[in-house]
Protein backbone atom coordinates (compact mmCIF):
# COMPACT_ATOMS: atom_id res chain seq x y z
CA UNK A 1 -124.63 -263.90 65.45
CA UNK A 2 -127.82 -263.42 67.46
CA UNK A 3 -127.45 -261.86 70.88
CA UNK A 4 -128.93 -263.16 74.12
CA UNK A 5 -131.86 -260.72 73.90
CA UNK A 6 -132.40 -261.65 70.26
CA UNK A 7 -132.41 -265.38 70.99
CA UNK A 8 -134.73 -264.94 73.97
CA UNK A 9 -137.13 -262.82 71.88
CA UNK A 10 -137.09 -265.36 69.06
CA UNK A 11 -137.67 -268.31 71.40
CA UNK A 12 -140.62 -266.57 73.04
CA UNK A 13 -142.20 -265.69 69.68
CA UNK A 14 -141.55 -269.21 68.35
CA UNK A 15 -143.25 -270.71 71.42
CA UNK A 16 -146.21 -268.40 70.87
CA UNK A 17 -146.53 -269.75 67.33
CA UNK A 18 -145.82 -266.44 65.62
CA UNK A 19 -144.47 -267.15 62.10
CA UNK A 20 -140.86 -265.99 61.78
CA UNK A 21 -141.78 -263.78 58.83
CA UNK A 22 -144.03 -261.80 61.19
CA UNK A 23 -141.75 -261.49 64.23
CA UNK A 24 -140.59 -257.93 63.57
CA UNK A 25 -144.03 -256.59 62.65
CA UNK A 26 -145.67 -258.43 65.52
CA UNK A 27 -143.37 -256.86 68.12
CA UNK A 28 -143.34 -253.43 66.45
CA UNK A 29 -147.15 -253.35 66.55
CA UNK A 30 -147.07 -253.94 70.33
CA UNK A 31 -144.50 -251.39 71.40
CA UNK A 32 -143.39 -247.85 70.65
CA UNK A 33 -140.04 -248.82 69.18
CA UNK A 34 -139.58 -248.24 65.47
CA UNK A 35 -139.59 -251.24 63.12
CA UNK A 36 -135.92 -250.70 62.19
CA UNK A 37 -134.82 -250.94 65.81
CA UNK A 38 -137.03 -253.98 66.37
CA UNK A 39 -135.58 -255.57 63.20
CA UNK A 40 -132.05 -254.91 64.46
CA UNK A 41 -132.74 -256.40 67.89
CA UNK A 42 -134.64 -259.44 66.59
CA UNK A 43 -132.03 -259.94 63.88
CA UNK A 44 -129.22 -259.76 66.42
CA UNK A 45 -127.37 -257.02 64.58
CA UNK A 46 -127.12 -254.85 67.70
CA UNK A 47 -125.31 -256.02 70.81
CA UNK A 48 -127.19 -256.51 74.05
CA UNK A 49 -125.47 -253.52 75.63
CA UNK A 50 -126.83 -251.31 72.83
CA UNK A 51 -130.38 -252.12 73.93
CA UNK A 52 -131.30 -249.64 76.66
CA UNK A 53 -133.32 -250.49 79.73
CA UNK A 54 -136.40 -248.65 78.42
CA UNK A 55 -136.16 -250.47 75.08
CA UNK A 56 -135.71 -253.84 76.77
CA UNK A 57 -138.69 -253.08 78.98
CA UNK A 58 -140.87 -252.33 75.93
CA UNK A 59 -139.71 -255.50 74.19
CA UNK A 60 -140.41 -257.61 77.27
CA UNK A 61 -143.88 -256.12 77.62
CA UNK A 62 -144.61 -256.62 73.90
CA UNK A 63 -143.91 -260.36 74.09
CA UNK A 64 -145.64 -260.89 77.44
CA UNK A 65 -142.49 -261.03 79.58
CA UNK A 66 -142.93 -257.76 81.49
CA UNK A 67 -142.49 -259.56 84.82
CA UNK A 68 -139.42 -261.36 83.47
CA UNK A 69 -137.55 -258.47 81.88
CA UNK A 70 -134.29 -259.52 83.55
CA UNK A 71 -134.63 -262.97 81.98
CA UNK A 72 -135.07 -261.40 78.56
CA UNK A 73 -131.90 -259.35 79.00
CA UNK A 74 -129.65 -261.75 80.90
CA UNK A 75 -131.17 -265.24 80.68
CA UNK A 76 -130.14 -268.04 78.38
CA UNK A 77 -133.63 -269.29 77.65
CA UNK A 78 -132.52 -271.24 74.58
CA UNK A 79 -129.77 -273.08 76.44
CA UNK A 80 -131.79 -273.82 79.56
CA UNK A 81 -135.36 -274.21 78.38
CA UNK A 82 -135.21 -276.28 75.20
CA UNK A 83 -133.42 -279.18 73.55
CA UNK A 84 -131.67 -277.29 70.74
CA UNK A 85 -130.63 -280.42 68.83
CA UNK A 86 -134.13 -281.88 68.91
CA UNK A 87 -135.75 -278.60 67.83
CA UNK A 88 -133.19 -278.13 65.04
CA UNK A 89 -133.76 -281.65 63.73
CA UNK A 90 -137.53 -281.24 63.88
CA UNK A 91 -137.30 -277.90 62.07
CA UNK A 92 -135.07 -279.27 59.32
CA UNK A 93 -137.01 -282.51 58.91
CA UNK A 94 -140.26 -280.57 58.59
CA UNK A 95 -138.84 -279.07 55.39
CA UNK A 96 -138.78 -282.54 53.84
CA UNK A 97 -141.67 -283.42 51.59
CA UNK A 98 -143.75 -286.57 51.61
CA UNK A 99 -141.43 -289.55 51.96
CA UNK A 100 -138.50 -287.28 52.75
CA UNK A 101 -137.68 -288.85 56.11
CA UNK A 102 -137.61 -292.30 54.56
CA UNK A 103 -135.35 -291.06 51.75
CA UNK A 104 -133.10 -289.38 54.30
CA UNK A 105 -132.91 -292.61 56.31
CA UNK A 106 -131.87 -294.45 53.14
CA UNK A 107 -129.26 -291.83 52.30
CA UNK A 108 -127.77 -292.02 55.78
CA UNK A 109 -128.06 -295.82 55.96
CA UNK A 110 -130.20 -295.77 59.08
CA UNK A 111 -133.55 -297.32 59.85
CA UNK A 112 -136.46 -294.83 59.53
CA UNK A 113 -137.25 -295.48 63.20
CA UNK A 114 -133.81 -294.05 64.03
CA UNK A 115 -134.90 -290.71 62.59
CA UNK A 116 -138.09 -290.92 64.65
CA UNK A 117 -135.98 -291.54 67.76
CA UNK A 118 -133.86 -288.49 66.91
CA UNK A 119 -137.00 -286.39 66.58
CA UNK A 120 -138.56 -287.53 69.83
CA UNK A 121 -135.27 -287.16 71.71
CA UNK A 122 -134.79 -290.84 72.53
CA UNK A 123 -131.44 -290.95 70.71
CA UNK A 124 -129.05 -288.52 69.09
CA UNK A 125 -127.05 -288.69 65.88
CA UNK A 126 -123.29 -288.91 66.34
CA UNK A 127 -121.07 -285.92 65.51
CA UNK A 128 -120.20 -287.17 62.01
CA UNK A 129 -123.88 -287.72 61.16
CA UNK A 130 -124.73 -284.25 62.48
CA UNK A 131 -122.15 -282.71 60.15
CA UNK A 132 -123.57 -284.73 57.24
CA UNK A 133 -127.11 -283.63 58.14
CA UNK A 134 -126.03 -279.98 58.27
CA UNK A 135 -124.46 -280.36 54.83
CA UNK A 136 -127.50 -282.20 53.47
CA UNK A 137 -129.86 -279.43 54.57
CA UNK A 138 -127.55 -276.63 53.41
CA UNK A 139 -127.03 -275.23 56.88
CA UNK A 140 -124.21 -272.64 56.99
CA UNK A 141 -120.74 -274.09 57.44
CA UNK A 142 -119.62 -274.21 61.06
CA UNK A 143 -123.14 -274.51 62.45
CA UNK A 144 -123.35 -276.93 65.37
CA UNK A 145 -126.83 -278.42 65.37
CA UNK A 146 -126.37 -279.35 69.04
CA UNK A 147 -125.98 -275.77 70.23
CA UNK A 148 -126.80 -273.26 67.47
CA UNK A 149 -130.58 -272.64 67.39
CA UNK A 150 -131.14 -272.93 63.65
CA UNK A 151 -134.86 -273.33 64.34
CA UNK A 152 -134.92 -269.70 65.55
CA UNK A 153 -133.24 -268.22 62.51
CA UNK A 154 -134.87 -265.13 61.05
CA UNK A 155 -133.44 -265.90 57.63
CA UNK A 156 -134.14 -269.04 55.62
CA UNK A 157 -131.66 -271.72 56.63
CA UNK A 158 -132.14 -274.80 54.52
CA UNK A 159 -131.71 -274.92 50.76
CA UNK A 160 -135.42 -275.58 50.27
CA UNK A 161 -136.35 -272.57 52.43
CA UNK A 162 -133.96 -270.35 50.52
CA UNK A 163 -135.45 -271.47 47.22
CA UNK A 164 -138.94 -270.76 48.54
CA UNK A 165 -137.80 -267.34 49.73
CA UNK A 166 -136.40 -266.46 46.29
CA UNK A 167 -139.51 -267.77 44.54
CA UNK A 168 -141.87 -265.83 46.80
CA UNK A 169 -139.88 -262.62 46.32
CA UNK A 170 -139.83 -263.05 42.55
CA UNK A 171 -143.56 -263.73 42.47
CA UNK A 172 -144.24 -260.58 44.48
CA UNK A 173 -142.33 -258.29 42.09
CA UNK A 174 -144.33 -255.88 39.98
CA UNK A 175 -143.94 -256.07 36.20
CA UNK A 176 -141.71 -252.98 36.26
CA UNK A 177 -139.52 -254.36 39.06
CA UNK A 178 -139.13 -257.67 37.25
CA UNK A 179 -138.27 -255.90 34.01
CA UNK A 180 -135.55 -253.89 35.80
CA UNK A 181 -134.20 -256.91 37.66
CA UNK A 182 -134.31 -259.39 34.80
CA UNK A 183 -130.97 -258.43 33.16
CA UNK A 184 -129.13 -258.96 36.46
CA UNK A 185 -130.90 -262.28 37.05
CA UNK A 186 -130.07 -263.36 33.51
CA UNK A 187 -126.37 -262.57 34.02
CA UNK A 188 -126.34 -264.29 37.40
CA UNK A 189 -128.30 -267.39 36.43
CA UNK A 190 -127.16 -267.76 32.83
CA UNK A 191 -129.12 -268.53 29.68
């Protein structure tokens, strides 16, 4: 579960248009903290109280929030500065290919303009539809699209993103790495 500092870092980087795959490297290149510590903070695997004042100061400076260091540490930028549901829906819908929104509208028995209204914030899906959307996109069980900032996830969230992640990792393997990994993949994936 991401921490407040983690979420605030992610939101700031997302707003700056930094691709999520580059968040750790981008920050690490702009401060004196090691990449493992940056990865832990961005990934939310360390609690906020484990991030010292000097570290928080470096992180704030790296992302252009030096004057707002207290906001980075204590603020709820995600909850107060963005419409989480709208951003989540936009993020998930962007994963759909050509004609995907129309197909989704058909699947959910809604007019395609309803999806457009969801995306521009003029209306919101009801709770049951939100659960169905989360299931459709392969979002982890228990995720509340109204409050959990899926759009800021470091890891791939939707099924299509996860597939792309696996494909890109497989394509980047050397011949020796693939040879060593192939037996395990064969057992896992079957004939």
